Amino acid sequence: MTERDSPHISAPRFVVLPVQPGSPPFRLVEVGGEVAGTARSVVDVIEIAQQLGVRHLDLEDPDVIRWVGGDQFTWTLQHLL
């Protein structure tokens, strides 16, 4: 098998971790393996990306962003029950 024939495996630059308890609940956002900030909504994730110079963040591209413990619509602990 050549490299061209092997499956594409990539590590996305952005990783949004599971919802954490808080008032309000939040999710940590990692960029390049380092915590870049906290997000209380998808808007916060986009703002973190913009602060790092990313003008358009494709929230559905698994090569760009990985959502752990839910998707971009998961922002409360009730979603996890």
Protein backbone atom coordinates (compact mmCIF):
# COMPACT_ATOMS: atom_id res chain seq x y z
CA MET A 1 0.00 0.00 0.00
CA THR A 2 1.31 3.44 -0.87
CA GLU A 3 0.86 6.59 1.13
CA ARG A 4 -1.67 7.72 -1.46
CA ASP A 5 -3.78 4.61 -0.84
CA SER A 6 -3.71 4.80 2.96
CA PRO A 7 -6.58 6.42 4.87
CA HIS A 8 -6.19 10.10 5.72
CA ILE A 9 -5.65 10.63 9.44
CA SER A 10 -5.20 14.13 10.76
CA ALA A 11 -5.19 15.85 14.10
CA PRO A 12 -7.50 18.86 13.98
CA ARG A 13 -6.05 22.16 15.12
CA PHE A 14 -9.10 22.96 17.27
CA VAL A 15 -10.51 20.61 19.92
CA VAL A 16 -13.56 21.54 21.98
CA LEU A 17 -13.67 19.44 25.15
CA PRO A 18 -16.84 18.21 26.94
CA VAL A 19 -19.19 20.47 28.87
CA GLN A 20 -17.91 21.28 32.36
CA PRO A 21 -20.15 22.24 35.29
CA GLY A 22 -20.23 25.92 36.02
CA SER A 23 -22.56 28.85 36.12
CA PRO A 24 -23.03 28.85 33.20
CA PRO A 25 -21.55 25.54 31.99
CA PHE A 26 -18.54 25.88 29.68
CA ARG A 27 -16.23 23.94 27.39
CA LEU A 28 -12.46 24.27 27.17
CA VAL A 29 -11.05 24.97 23.74
CA GLU A 30 -7.63 23.60 22.83
CA VAL A 31 -5.68 24.90 19.87
CA GLY A 32 -2.63 22.96 18.82
CA GLY A 33 -2.78 20.92 22.02
CA GLU A 34 -2.80 23.96 24.34
CA VAL A 35 -5.80 25.40 26.18
CA ALA A 36 -6.71 28.60 24.33
CA GLY A 37 -9.77 29.59 26.32
CA THR A 38 -13.21 28.74 27.60
CA ALA A 39 -16.39 28.79 25.58
CA ARG A 40 -19.94 29.14 26.77
CA SER A 41 -21.35 29.02 23.24
CA VAL A 42 -20.26 28.33 19.70
CA VAL A 43 -19.78 32.09 19.28
CA ASP A 44 -16.96 31.94 21.84
CA VAL A 45 -15.26 29.18 19.82
CA ILE A 46 -15.44 31.35 16.70
CA GLU A 47 -14.07 34.35 18.62
CA ILE A 48 -11.11 32.30 19.90
CA ALA A 49 -10.36 31.27 16.32
CA GLN A 50 -10.58 34.88 15.12
CA GLN A 51 -8.20 36.01 17.87
CA LEU A 52 -5.72 33.50 16.42
CA GLY A 53 -6.15 34.88 12.91
CA VAL A 54 -8.59 32.27 11.58
CA ARG A 55 -11.20 34.24 9.64
CA HIS A 56 -13.49 31.29 8.78
CA LEU A 57 -13.75 28.26 11.06
CA ASP A 58 -15.65 25.38 9.43
CA LEU A 59 -17.45 24.00 12.48
CA GLU A 60 -18.33 20.76 10.67
CA ASP A 61 -14.94 19.88 9.18
CA PRO A 62 -13.34 17.08 11.27
CA ASP A 63 -9.94 17.97 9.78
CA VAL A 64 -10.24 21.43 11.39
CA ILE A 65 -12.20 20.94 14.62
CA ARG A 66 -13.07 18.01 16.87
CA TRP A 67 -16.03 18.20 19.23
CA VAL A 68 -15.57 15.91 22.27
CA GLY A 69 -18.61 14.96 24.36
CA GLY A 70 -21.14 16.52 22.02
CA ASP A 71 -21.31 18.69 18.94
CA GLN A 72 -21.47 22.42 18.34
CA PHE A 73 -25.02 22.44 19.73
CA THR A 74 -24.08 20.85 23.09
CA TRP A 75 -23.63 23.53 25.75
CA THR A 76 -25.47 22.24 28.79
CA LEU A 77 -25.01 19.25 31.06
CA GLN A 78 -28.63 18.12 30.39
CA HIS A 79 -27.58 17.09 26.86
CA LEU A 80 -25.32 14.48 28.46
CA LEU A 81 -28.01 12.74 30.56
